């Protein structure tokens, strides 16, 4: 038998290479993952992770409530466990969003007076309480269902993937004694980092303050005050809601803060090309922009419209998942501005058609946002400042005109504006001329476009994609049954130990004792010296 030819040797070498790679790569069998998401845009993020986990061969079960507005049964993607809830949460959510938008616009219209801001904050706190109470009812419904709990225990899940914006997922994971991975932007305590990493208010602005990391004295004072009231609200309003569940079903020594701080890995949906630099921890993984993908070909109706834009290109506008349309007055101002630009406009809109809409504007209830932003003809993205849309704009290098309305949209817009990649407008007081001027600056100038291209280059220049990083860490936790070695033990410390108050009191006491001893000794020495002097005289 002759020696193998070069083709045979190449095939043997290839086979050996494949075997070597297979043997040296970490083996992750299909993990059993329980997903407990939060509705709305949070679910849109979570679903993207679920789709990728499914492609990787993992077995995913999603637990949600019957009145969800976005989560539906999808047996091809995941198994569903639906908790029957009498109250219609989807209708309740749409009502409160409408009211929050109304109060926010009124505050913006009046120039953001202290009184209007206080009214808005009071309503937000009231709504926050109501929403957490609703989620408490969701949690209680789960724990009262003994057959469901036994079913979940028998399933032997490898980990729970949840969103800690509410406490139900973390509490159930703790009950099942299963490792926890958080897909998070905000949690019960506020911004995602606040429970897990040092957050000095001198340069880490709270979400809701609309501040940057470069604060003057008065801004730092405002940040500290805001932080204080946030802590009060969380400690005396939010935590007690979930501690009722903890104490009733997990034992009197268990509390929601300890459960939250016991998370194995946090997948935080930010990237530091957008977020301000800040202290972090080993179990915090940054996956900002993980949902972004290269643009796919557009459907025929959109492609034809985009191609007809010619050299002027298109403008894309969307105000997100929760808000379908704005007031008639604001809508007409926007429509009037759009009618005067040479670009074609694709506007995600589901309301009464404004009578002054131009022939260059396409109104549609749904848009392929990522694909439109990735189209070479797109010149600018007008949006509300939602985190998903902002990262898609960064990924594709499209400058932004921000029209923030509610929640973290103001802070997101401030962050992008501070990078020189967005121009932010007050939508409540905006006239068509203001929008026209902004469009002229962003579309025809180079400042915003160049800055956004720079952010895009920085965001894309990573050794791995944010999605690969997210999936790796989920599988890492599944392989190793947790990641406790990455978690700081600070969560076991009482607050006075964490902040070294006991040490400072001890050192201060020692200093005072030493000072007293020195003073007493000096007095005695002075007396002795005086006596000797008197004797010599």
Protein backbone atom coordinates (compact mmCIF):
# COMPACT_ATOMS: atom_id res chain seq x y z
CA UNK A 1 0.00 0.00 0.00
CA UNK A 2 1.48 3.34 -1.09
CA UNK A 3 1.92 6.47 0.94
CA UNK A 4 -1.16 8.73 1.09
CA UNK A 5 -1.24 11.60 -1.39
CA UNK A 6 -1.31 15.26 -0.45
CA UNK A 7 -5.13 15.36 -0.64
CA UNK A 8 -5.40 12.40 1.74
CA UNK A 9 -2.91 14.00 4.12
CA UNK A 10 -4.90 17.27 4.02
CA UNK A 11 -8.14 15.43 4.85
CA UNK A 12 -6.44 13.59 7.74
CA UNK A 13 -4.99 16.85 9.08
CA UNK A 14 -8.40 18.55 8.82
CA UNK A 15 -10.08 15.67 10.66
CA UNK A 16 -7.46 15.76 13.41
CA UNK A 17 -7.88 19.54 13.69
CA UNK A 18 -11.63 19.20 14.11
CA UNK A 19 -11.17 16.50 16.76
CA UNK A 20 -8.62 18.67 18.60
CA UNK A 21 -10.89 21.72 18.57
CA UNK A 22 -13.83 19.60 19.75
CA UNK A 23 -11.83 18.09 22.61
CA UNK A 24 -10.34 21.39 23.77
CA UNK A 25 -13.53 23.45 23.52
CA UNK A 26 -15.77 23.68 26.61
CA UNK A 27 -18.63 21.24 26.25
CA UNK A 28 -22.05 22.67 27.02
CA UNK A 29 -24.84 20.17 26.71
CA UNK A 30 -28.31 21.55 26.18
CA UNK A 31 -29.03 23.33 29.46
CA UNK A 32 -32.50 23.55 30.97
CA UNK A 33 -33.16 27.25 31.43
CA UNK A 34 -36.13 28.86 33.16
CA UNK A 35 -36.77 32.39 31.87
CA UNK A 36 -38.86 34.80 33.95
CA UNK A 37 -39.06 38.00 31.91
CA UNK A 38 -40.61 41.45 32.27
CA UNK A 39 -43.20 42.59 29.75
CA UNK A 40 -42.90 45.26 27.07
CA UNK A 41 -39.57 46.29 25.61
CA UNK A 42 -37.82 44.23 28.31
CA UNK A 43 -39.33 41.08 26.77
CA UNK A 44 -38.16 42.16 23.31
CA UNK A 45 -34.59 42.07 24.68
CA UNK A 46 -35.10 38.81 26.50
CA UNK A 47 -36.68 37.11 23.49
CA UNK A 48 -33.57 37.83 21.41
CA UNK A 49 -31.48 35.94 23.99
CA UNK A 50 -34.04 33.11 24.05
CA UNK A 51 -33.81 32.78 20.25
CA UNK A 52 -30.02 32.52 20.41
CA UNK A 53 -30.16 30.01 23.28
CA UNK A 54 -32.58 27.90 21.25
CA UNK A 55 -30.16 27.92 18.29
CA UNK A 56 -27.43 26.70 20.68
CA UNK A 57 -29.55 23.68 21.58
CA UNK A 58 -30.75 24.75 25.02
CA UNK A 59 -34.16 23.87 26.40
CA UNK A 60 -35.95 27.07 27.39
CA UNK A 61 -39.10 27.42 29.48
CA UNK A 62 -40.72 30.87 29.85
CA UNK A 63 -42.93 31.67 32.85
CA UNK A 64 -45.27 34.65 32.48
CA UNK A 65 -48.77 35.88 33.35
CA UNK A 66 -51.91 35.51 31.26
CA UNK A 67 -52.54 39.22 30.64
CA UNK A 68 -49.14 39.94 29.12
CA UNK A 69 -49.19 42.42 26.25
CA UNK A 70 -46.16 40.93 24.42
CA UNK A 71 -45.43 37.42 25.73
CA UNK A 72 -47.39 34.74 23.91
CA UNK A 73 -47.12 30.98 23.51
CA UNK A 74 -44.45 30.00 21.00
CA UNK A 75 -43.85 26.22 21.14
CA UNK A 76 -41.25 26.34 18.36
CA UNK A 77 -39.08 28.61 20.50
CA UNK A 78 -39.87 27.80 24.13
CA UNK A 79 -42.21 25.97 26.47
CA UNK A 80 -44.75 28.23 28.17
CA UNK A 81 -45.93 28.27 31.76
CA UNK A 82 -48.79 30.76 31.99
CA UNK A 83 -49.99 32.05 35.37
CA UNK A 84 -53.62 33.08 35.33
CA UNK A 85 -54.08 36.60 36.69
CA UNK A 86 -57.52 38.19 36.90
CA UNK A 87 -56.40 41.81 36.61
CA UNK A 88 -55.64 42.92 33.03
CA UNK A 89 -52.09 44.15 33.37
CA UNK A 90 -51.78 45.09 29.68
CA UNK A 91 -54.70 47.54 29.93
CA UNK A 92 -53.41 48.90 33.22
CA UNK A 93 -49.97 49.44 31.67
CA UNK A 94 -51.31 51.31 28.64
CA UNK A 95 -53.36 53.60 30.93
CA UNK A 96 -50.43 54.52 33.16
CA UNK A 97 -48.10 55.10 30.20
CA UNK A 98 -50.66 57.49 28.74
CA UNK A 99 -50.91 59.38 32.04
CA UNK A 100 -47.12 59.51 32.54
CA UNK A 101 -46.66 60.91 29.01
CA UNK A 102 -49.33 63.54 29.73
CA UNK A 103 -47.64 64.69 32.96
CA UNK A 104 -44.19 64.58 31.40
CA UNK A 105 -45.29 66.74 28.46
CA UNK A 106 -46.92 69.22 30.85
CA UNK A 107 -43.69 69.44 32.84
CA UNK A 108 -41.65 69.98 29.67
CA UNK A 109 -44.16 72.55 28.40
CA UNK A 110 -43.81 74.65 31.56
CA UNK A 111 -40.05 74.56 31.39
CA UNK A 112 -39.71 71.82 33.99
CA UNK A 113 -40.80 73.84 37.07
CA UNK A 114 -40.15 72.32 40.49
CA UNK A 115 -43.89 71.98 41.11
CA UNK A 116 -44.53 70.10 37.84
CA UNK A 117 -41.49 67.90 38.46
CA UNK A 118 -42.74 67.09 41.97
CA UNK A 119 -46.18 66.18 40.63
CA UNK A 120 -44.62 63.91 38.02
CA UNK A 121 -42.33 62.26 40.58
CA UNK A 122 -45.22 61.78 43.01
CA UNK A 123 -47.28 60.09 40.30
CA UNK A 124 -44.30 57.98 39.21
CA UNK A 125 -43.77 56.76 42.77
CA UNK A 126 -47.47 55.99 43.11
CA UNK A 127 -47.44 54.03 39.86
CA UNK A 128 -44.23 52.27 40.82
CA UNK A 129 -45.91 51.14 44.05
CA UNK A 130 -48.96 49.88 42.11
CA UNK A 131 -46.85 47.99 39.57
CA UNK A 132 -44.76 46.33 42.29
CA UNK A 133 -47.94 45.40 44.17
CA UNK A 134 -49.23 43.82 40.97
CA UNK A 135 -46.02 41.84 40.65
CA UNK A 136 -46.38 40.83 44.28
CA UNK A 137 -49.75 39.32 43.34
CA UNK A 138 -48.05 37.51 40.45
CA UNK A 139 -45.45 36.09 42.83
CA UNK A 140 -48.05 35.02 45.37
CA UNK A 141 -50.05 33.28 42.61
CA UNK A 142 -46.93 31.26 41.77
CA UNK A 143 -46.17 30.24 45.37
CA UNK A 144 -49.78 29.31 46.12
CA UNK A 145 -49.76 26.91 43.18
CA UNK A 146 -48.16 23.92 44.94
CA UNK A 147 -48.44 21.65 41.90
CA UNK A 148 -46.58 24.25 39.79
CA UNK A 149 -43.82 24.53 42.40
CA UNK A 150 -43.39 20.75 42.45
CA UNK A 151 -43.29 20.73 38.64
CA UNK A 152 -40.59 23.42 38.67
CA UNK A 153 -38.58 21.55 41.30
CA UNK A 154 -38.78 18.28 39.34
CA UNK A 155 -37.60 20.08 36.18
CA UNK A 156 -34.10 20.53 37.71
CA UNK A 157 -33.32 23.71 35.84
CA UNK A 158 -29.64 24.52 35.36
CA UNK A 159 -30.22 28.24 35.81
CA UNK A 160 -32.83 30.98 35.91
CA UNK A 161 -32.48 33.83 33.41
CA UNK A 162 -34.55 36.76 34.64
CA UNK A 163 -34.95 40.52 34.63
CA UNK A 164 -34.70 42.03 38.15
CA UNK A 165 -36.78 45.10 37.30
CA UNK A 166 -39.29 43.22 39.47
CA UNK A 167 -38.65 40.74 42.25
CA UNK A 168 -40.63 37.67 41.14
CA UNK A 169 -37.88 36.02 39.09
CA UNK A 170 -35.08 36.39 41.65
CA UNK A 171 -37.33 35.16 44.50
CA UNK A 172 -38.40 32.06 42.56
CA UNK A 173 -34.79 31.30 41.56
CA UNK A 174 -33.75 31.52 45.22
CA UNK A 175 -36.61 29.20 46.21
CA UNK A 176 -35.56 26.64 43.56
CA UNK A 177 -31.89 26.96 44.67
CA UNK A 178 -30.86 27.55 41.05
CA UNK A 179 -28.06 29.90 39.83
CA UNK A 180 -29.31 33.28 38.65
CA UNK A 181 -28.30 35.25 35.57
CA UNK A 182 -29.80 38.72 35.17
CA UNK A 183 -30.54 40.38 31.83
CA UNK A 184 -30.75 43.89 33.22
CA UNK A 185 -30.78 47.62 32.62
CA UNK A 186 -32.63 48.66 35.81
CA UNK A 187 -33.39 46.67 38.96
CA UNK A 188 -35.54 47.22 42.03
CA UNK A 189 -32.94 49.51 43.59
CA UNK A 190 -32.55 51.67 40.47
CA UNK A 191 -29.84 51.54 37.80
CA UNK A 192 -28.36 48.06 37.34
CA UNK A 193 -25.02 48.72 39.08
CA UNK A 194 -26.29 50.31 42.27
CA UNK A 195 -26.55 47.14 44.36
CA UNK A 196 -23.44 45.48 42.98
CA UNK A 197 -20.68 48.01 42.39
CA UNK A 198 -19.45 51.18 44.12
CA UNK A 199 -21.39 54.15 42.75
CA UNK A 200 -19.89 57.41 44.05
CA UNK A 201 -22.46 60.20 43.49
CA UNK A 202 -19.57 62.59 42.78
CA UNK A 203 -19.23 61.20 39.23
CA UNK A 204 -21.89 58.48 38.80
CA UNK A 205 -25.20 60.22 37.94
CA UNK A 206 -28.44 58.52 38.93
CA UNK A 207 -30.89 57.61 36.20
CA UNK A 208 -33.61 60.24 36.33
CA UNK A 209 -31.31 63.18 37.09
CA UNK A 210 -30.41 63.89 33.44
CA UNK A 211 -26.84 64.62 34.53
CA UNK A 212 -23.49 63.69 33.02
CA UNK A 213 -20.41 62.41 34.86
CA UNK A 214 -18.96 65.94 34.77
CA UNK A 215 -20.99 67.64 37.52
CA UNK A 216 -20.49 70.98 39.23
CA UNK A 217 -21.13 71.44 42.98
CA UNK A 218 -24.87 72.08 42.67
CA UNK A 219 -25.34 69.15 40.29
CA UNK A 220 -23.49 66.86 42.69
CA UNK A 221 -25.72 68.11 45.49
CA UNK A 222 -28.78 67.36 43.37
CA UNK A 223 -27.41 63.89 42.59
CA UNK A 224 -26.83 63.14 46.29
CA UNK A 225 -30.34 64.33 47.25
CA UNK A 226 -31.90 62.30 44.46
CA UNK A 227 -29.92 59.26 45.58
CA UNK A 228 -31.06 59.72 49.19
CA UNK A 229 -34.76 59.86 48.29
CA UNK A 230 -34.35 56.90 45.93
CA UNK A 231 -32.88 54.85 48.77
CA UNK A 232 -35.72 55.90 51.10
CA UNK A 233 -38.38 54.90 48.57
CA UNK A 234 -36.74 51.55 47.83
CA UNK A 235 -36.06 50.72 51.48
CA UNK A 236 -39.48 51.66 52.87
CA UNK A 237 -41.82 51.10 49.90
CA UNK A 238 -40.41 48.65 47.31
CA UNK A 239 -38.47 46.15 49.41
CA UNK A 240 -41.30 45.55 51.93
CA UNK A 241 -43.61 44.51 49.06
CA UNK A 242 -41.33 41.63 48.10
CA UNK A 243 -40.21 40.89 51.65
CA UNK A 244 -43.79 39.87 52.38
CA UNK A 245 -43.35 37.04 49.85
CA UNK A 246 -39.86 36.21 51.13
CA UNK A 247 -40.93 35.99 54.75
CA UNK A 248 -44.06 33.99 53.98
CA UNK A 249 -42.61 31.44 51.56
CA UNK A 250 -38.82 31.49 52.05
CA UNK A 251 -38.47 32.09 55.77
CA UNK A 252 -38.23 35.07 58.14
CA UNK A 253 -34.46 35.44 57.67
CA UNK A 254 -34.67 35.91 53.89
CA UNK A 255 -35.05 39.34 52.30
CA UNK A 256 -35.23 40.59 48.73
CA UNK A 257 -32.02 42.65 48.88
CA UNK A 258 -29.94 39.63 49.88
CA UNK A 259 -31.56 37.60 47.09
CA UNK A 260 -30.82 40.28 44.48
CA UNK A 261 -27.20 40.60 45.57
CA UNK A 262 -26.76 36.84 45.30
CA UNK A 263 -26.97 36.91 41.49
CA UNK A 264 -24.18 34.93 39.81
CA UNK A 265 -23.76 37.03 36.67
CA UNK A 266 -25.34 40.29 35.53
CA UNK A 267 -25.66 40.88 31.80
CA UNK A 268 -26.01 44.65 31.73
CA UNK A 269 -27.33 46.15 28.51
CA UNK A 270 -24.81 48.98 28.16
CA UNK A 271 -21.52 49.71 26.41
CA UNK A 272 -19.05 52.30 27.63
CA UNK A 273 -18.94 54.02 24.26
CA UNK A 274 -22.38 55.22 25.36
CA UNK A 275 -22.44 54.91 29.16
CA UNK A 276 -20.25 57.04 31.44
CA UNK A 277 -17.20 55.22 32.90
CA UNK A 278 -17.72 53.95 36.45
CA UNK A 279 -16.49 51.30 38.93
CA UNK A 280 -17.56 47.73 38.17
CA UNK A 281 -17.26 44.15 39.46
CA UNK A 282 -16.04 40.77 38.04
CA UNK A 283 -19.54 39.26 37.70
CA UNK A 284 -20.84 42.20 35.67
CA UNK A 285 -20.76 41.56 31.90
CA UNK A 286 -21.56 44.34 29.44
CA UNK A 287 -23.72 43.39 26.45
CA UNK A 288 -24.89 46.77 25.18
CA UNK A 289 -26.05 46.44 21.57
CA UNK A 290 -26.34 42.64 21.72
CA UNK A 291 -29.58 42.84 19.74
CA UNK A 292 -27.95 44.65 16.82
CA UNK A 293 -27.36 42.77 13.58
CA UNK A 294 -26.25 43.56 10.03
CA UNK A 295 -29.14 44.94 8.02
CA UNK A 296 -31.18 42.45 6.00
CA UNK A 297 -32.83 43.26 2.65
CA UNK A 298 -36.00 45.30 3.08
CA UNK A 299 -39.46 44.07 2.13
CA UNK A 300 -40.58 45.24 -1.30
CA UNK A 301 -42.88 48.01 0.02
CA UNK A 302 -40.09 49.59 2.06
CA UNK A 303 -37.30 49.04 -0.47
CA UNK A 304 -39.25 50.74 -3.25
CA UNK A 305 -39.97 53.73 -1.02
CA UNK A 306 -36.33 53.99 0.10
CA UNK A 307 -34.95 53.73 -3.43
CA UNK A 308 -37.26 56.53 -4.57
CA UNK A 309 -35.53 58.86 -2.08
CA UNK A 310 -32.67 59.39 -4.52
CA UNK A 311 -29.59 61.30 -3.38
CA UNK A 312 -31.40 62.93 -0.44
CA UNK A 313 -31.96 59.67 1.40
CA UNK A 314 -34.52 58.90 4.11
CA UNK A 315 -35.44 59.91 7.66
CA UNK A 316 -36.61 57.18 10.05
CA UNK A 317 -38.82 58.07 13.03
CA UNK A 318 -40.13 55.93 15.89
CA UNK A 319 -41.26 56.61 19.46
CA UNK A 320 -40.93 53.04 20.65
CA UNK A 321 -42.94 50.10 21.89
CA UNK A 322 -45.28 51.71 24.42
CA UNK A 323 -46.24 54.93 22.63
CA UNK A 324 -48.06 54.58 19.33
CA UNK A 325 -48.67 58.28 18.70
CA UNK A 326 -48.33 61.75 20.21
CA UNK A 327 -50.85 64.55 20.73
CA UNK A 328 -52.47 66.06 17.65
CA UNK A 329 -50.64 69.38 18.10
CA UNK A 330 -47.19 67.75 18.34
CA UNK A 331 -47.99 65.37 15.49
CA UNK A 332 -48.98 68.24 13.20
CA UNK A 333 -45.78 70.16 14.02
CA UNK A 334 -43.73 67.09 13.10
CA UNK A 335 -45.75 66.45 9.94
CA UNK A 336 -45.34 70.07 8.84
CA UNK A 337 -41.57 69.87 9.22
CA UNK A 338 -41.38 66.55 7.36
CA UNK A 339 -43.42 67.97 4.45
CA UNK A 340 -40.71 70.61 3.87
CA UNK A 341 -37.63 68.39 3.68
CA UNK A 342 -36.26 66.83 0.46
CA UNK A 343 -35.82 63.44 2.15
CA UNK A 344 -38.37 60.66 2.21
CA UNK A 345 -39.70 59.89 5.72
CA UNK A 346 -40.69 56.54 7.21
CA UNK A 347 -42.64 57.18 10.41
CA UNK A 348 -43.76 54.41 12.78
CA UNK A 349 -47.18 55.72 13.73
CA UNK A 350 -50.49 54.26 14.86
CA UNK A 351 -52.86 57.14 15.43
CA UNK A 352 -55.09 59.64 13.67
CA UNK A 353 -53.44 60.71 10.41
CA UNK A 354 -52.49 64.41 10.60
CA UNK A 355 -54.21 66.44 7.87
CA UNK A 356 -50.95 68.19 6.89
CA UNK A 357 -48.98 65.04 6.21
CA UNK A 358 -46.68 65.42 3.18
CA UNK A 359 -46.46 63.20 0.11
CA UNK A 360 -42.90 62.31 1.09
CA UNK A 361 -43.98 60.67 4.38
CA UNK A 362 -44.93 57.01 4.83
CA UNK A 363 -46.94 56.26 8.00
CA UNK A 364 -46.83 52.64 9.11
CA UNK A 365 -47.74 50.75 12.30
CA UNK A 366 -44.54 48.70 12.18
CA UNK A 367 -41.08 49.24 10.74
CA UNK A 368 -38.04 46.92 10.33
CA UNK A 369 -36.06 49.40 12.44
CA UNK A 370 -32.68 47.65 12.47
CA UNK A 371 -32.79 47.04 8.71
CA UNK A 372 -33.81 50.62 7.95
CA UNK A 373 -31.07 52.05 10.16
CA UNK A 374 -28.57 49.81 8.38
CA UNK A 375 -29.64 50.98 4.93
CA UNK A 376 -27.08 53.25 3.22
CA UNK A 377 -29.82 55.75 2.32
CA UNK A 378 -30.73 56.50 5.96
CA UNK A 379 -29.58 59.97 7.03
CA UNK A 380 -30.98 60.43 10.54
CA UNK A 381 -33.00 58.57 13.18
CA UNK A 382 -35.62 60.53 15.13
CA UNK A 383 -36.49 58.62 18.28
CA UNK A 384 -37.71 58.86 21.88
CA UNK A 385 -34.39 57.76 23.36
CA UNK A 386 -35.18 54.11 24.10
CA UNK A 387 -32.05 52.09 24.78
CA UNK A 388 -32.69 49.53 22.02
CA UNK A 389 -33.09 52.13 19.29
CA UNK A 390 -30.08 54.09 20.47
CA UNK A 391 -27.79 51.05 20.28
CA UNK A 392 -29.10 50.19 16.83
CA UNK A 393 -28.31 53.76 15.75
CA UNK A 394 -24.81 53.49 17.24
CA UNK A 395 -24.22 50.10 15.59
CA UNK A 396 -25.16 51.42 12.15
CA UNK A 397 -23.58 54.87 12.64
CA UNK A 398 -26.78 56.88 12.15
CA UNK A 399 -26.97 60.24 14.00
CA UNK A 400 -29.99 60.84 16.23
CA UNK A 401 -32.50 63.56 16.93
CA UNK A 402 -33.86 62.78 20.39
CA UNK A 403 -37.40 63.51 21.57
CA UNK A 404 -37.42 61.96 25.07
CA UNK A 405 -40.78 61.53 26.78
CA UNK A 406 -40.62 59.22 29.83
CA UNK A 407 -38.49 56.95 32.05
CA UNK A 408 -34.77 56.67 31.20
CA UNK A 409 -35.23 58.23 27.76
CA UNK A 410 -34.00 61.64 28.99
CA UNK A 411 -30.85 60.14 30.51
CA UNK A 412 -30.16 58.06 27.40
CA UNK A 413 -30.54 61.15 25.21
CA UNK A 414 -28.23 63.17 27.49
CA UNK A 415 -25.55 60.48 27.22
CA UNK A 416 -25.69 60.43 23.44
CA UNK A 417 -25.82 64.22 23.25
CA UNK A 418 -22.72 64.46 25.48
CA UNK A 419 -20.90 62.34 22.89
CA UNK A 420 -21.87 64.80 20.14
CA UNK A 421 -23.90 62.13 18.32
CA UNK A 422 -27.41 63.43 18.99
CA UNK A 423 -29.37 66.66 19.07
CA UNK A 424 -32.11 66.66 21.71
CA UNK A 425 -35.37 68.60 21.33
CA UNK A 426 -38.09 69.47 23.84
CA UNK A 427 -40.99 67.76 22.13
CA UNK A 428 -43.60 69.59 24.25
CA UNK A 429 -42.53 73.09 23.11
CA UNK A 430 -41.14 72.15 19.70
CA UNK A 431 -42.34 73.96 16.58
CA UNK A 432 -41.92 72.72 13.03
CA UNK A 433 -39.13 75.28 12.55
CA UNK A 434 -37.18 73.77 15.47
CA UNK A 435 -37.36 70.31 13.93
CA UNK A 436 -36.45 71.70 10.49
CA UNK A 437 -33.39 73.43 11.92
CA UNK A 438 -32.33 70.25 13.76
CA UNK A 439 -32.76 68.18 10.59
CA UNK A 440 -30.68 70.67 8.62
CA UNK A 441 -27.85 70.53 11.21
CA UNK A 442 -27.81 66.76 11.53
CA UNK A 443 -28.43 65.77 7.89
CA UNK A 444 -26.43 68.44 6.09
CA UNK A 445 -23.68 69.02 8.65
CA UNK A 446 -20.82 66.66 9.46
CA UNK A 447 -20.51 67.11 13.25
CA UNK A 448 -23.16 64.66 14.40
CA UNK A 449 -22.55 62.18 11.60
CA UNK A 450 -18.79 62.04 12.19
CA UNK A 451 -19.20 61.62 15.95
CA UNK A 452 -21.72 58.82 15.49
CA UNK A 453 -19.42 57.08 12.98
CA UNK A 454 -16.66 57.24 15.60
CA UNK A 455 -18.96 55.73 18.26
CA UNK A 456 -19.97 53.01 15.80
CA UNK A 457 -16.33 52.14 15.07
CA UNK A 458 -15.54 51.97 18.79
CA UNK A 459 -18.63 49.87 19.51
CA UNK A 460 -17.85 47.36 16.77
CA UNK A 461 -14.14 47.09 17.63
CA UNK A 462 -14.48 44.22 20.14
CA UNK A 463 -12.84 40.78 20.29
CA UNK A 464 -16.30 39.19 20.34
CA UNK A 465 -19.84 40.36 19.73
CA UNK A 466 -21.99 41.33 22.74
CA UNK A 467 -24.34 38.46 21.85
CA UNK A 468 -21.52 35.88 21.93
CA UNK A 469 -20.39 37.32 25.24
CA UNK A 470 -23.90 37.06 26.69
CA UNK A 471 -24.38 33.46 25.56
CA UNK A 472 -20.90 32.45 26.80
CA UNK A 473 -21.63 33.68 30.32
CA UNK A 474 -25.07 32.07 30.44
CA UNK A 475 -23.48 28.76 29.40
CA UNK A 476 -20.60 29.36 31.82
CA UNK A 477 -23.02 29.58 34.74
CA UNK A 478 -24.85 26.47 33.51
CA UNK A 479 -21.59 24.50 33.16
CA UNK A 480 -20.24 25.41 36.58
CA UNK A 481 -23.54 25.46 38.47
CA UNK A 482 -23.07 29.11 39.34
CA UNK A 483 -20.30 31.69 39.48
CA UNK A 484 -20.00 32.44 43.17
CA UNK A 485 -16.25 33.00 42.87
CA UNK A 486 -16.96 36.17 40.86
CA UNK A 487 -19.46 37.55 43.34
CA UNK A 488 -18.30 39.99 46.00
CA UNK A 489 -19.08 38.89 49.55
CA UNK A 490 -20.04 42.46 50.36
CA UNK A 491 -23.69 41.51 50.09
CA UNK A 492 -23.38 39.54 53.33
CA UNK A 493 -22.14 42.60 55.22
CA UNK A 494 -24.45 44.93 57.14
CA UNK A 495 -24.38 48.51 55.94
CA UNK A 496 -22.26 49.75 58.84
CA UNK A 497 -19.63 47.12 58.04
CA UNK A 498 -19.78 47.76 54.29
CA UNK A 499 -19.10 51.46 54.81
CA UNK A 500 -16.59 50.75 57.64
CA UNK A 501 -18.66 52.77 60.08
CA UNK A 502 -17.73 50.36 62.90
CA UNK A 503 -14.03 50.71 62.02
CA UNK A 504 -14.26 54.49 61.89
CA UNK A 505 -16.06 54.58 65.25
CA UNK A 506 -13.38 52.33 66.73
CA UNK A 507 -10.52 54.41 65.30
CA UNK A 508 -12.21 57.63 66.40
CA UNK A 509 -12.68 56.20 69.91
CA UNK A 510 -9.02 55.18 70.03
CA UNK A 511 -7.99 58.62 68.81
CA UNK A 512 -10.13 60.32 71.46
CA UNK A 513 -8.81 58.01 74.17
CA UNK A 514 -5.25 58.69 73.06
CA UNK A 515 -5.94 62.42 72.99
CA UNK A 516 -7.39 62.30 76.50
CA UNK A 517 -4.39 60.31 77.74
CA UNK A 518 -1.96 62.76 76.14
CA UNK A 519 -3.82 65.75 77.63
CA UNK A 520 -3.92 64.11 81.08
CA UNK A 521 -0.22 63.22 80.84
CA UNK A 522 0.69 66.75 79.77
CA UNK A 523 -1.30 68.21 82.68
CA UNK A 524 0.51 65.95 85.12
CA UNK A 525 3.88 66.85 83.62
CA UNK A 526 3.01 70.53 83.88
CA UNK A 527 2.02 70.13 87.52
CA UNK A 528 5.21 68.20 88.27
CA UNK A 529 7.28 70.89 86.58
CA UNK A 530 5.49 73.62 88.52
CA UNK A 531 6.13 71.83 91.84
CA UNK A 532 9.85 71.40 91.05
CA UNK A 533 10.07 75.06 90.17
CA UNK A 534 8.42 76.06 93.42
CA UNK A 535 10.81 73.84 95.43
CA UNK A 536 13.89 75.30 93.75
CA UNK A 537 12.63 78.82 94.47
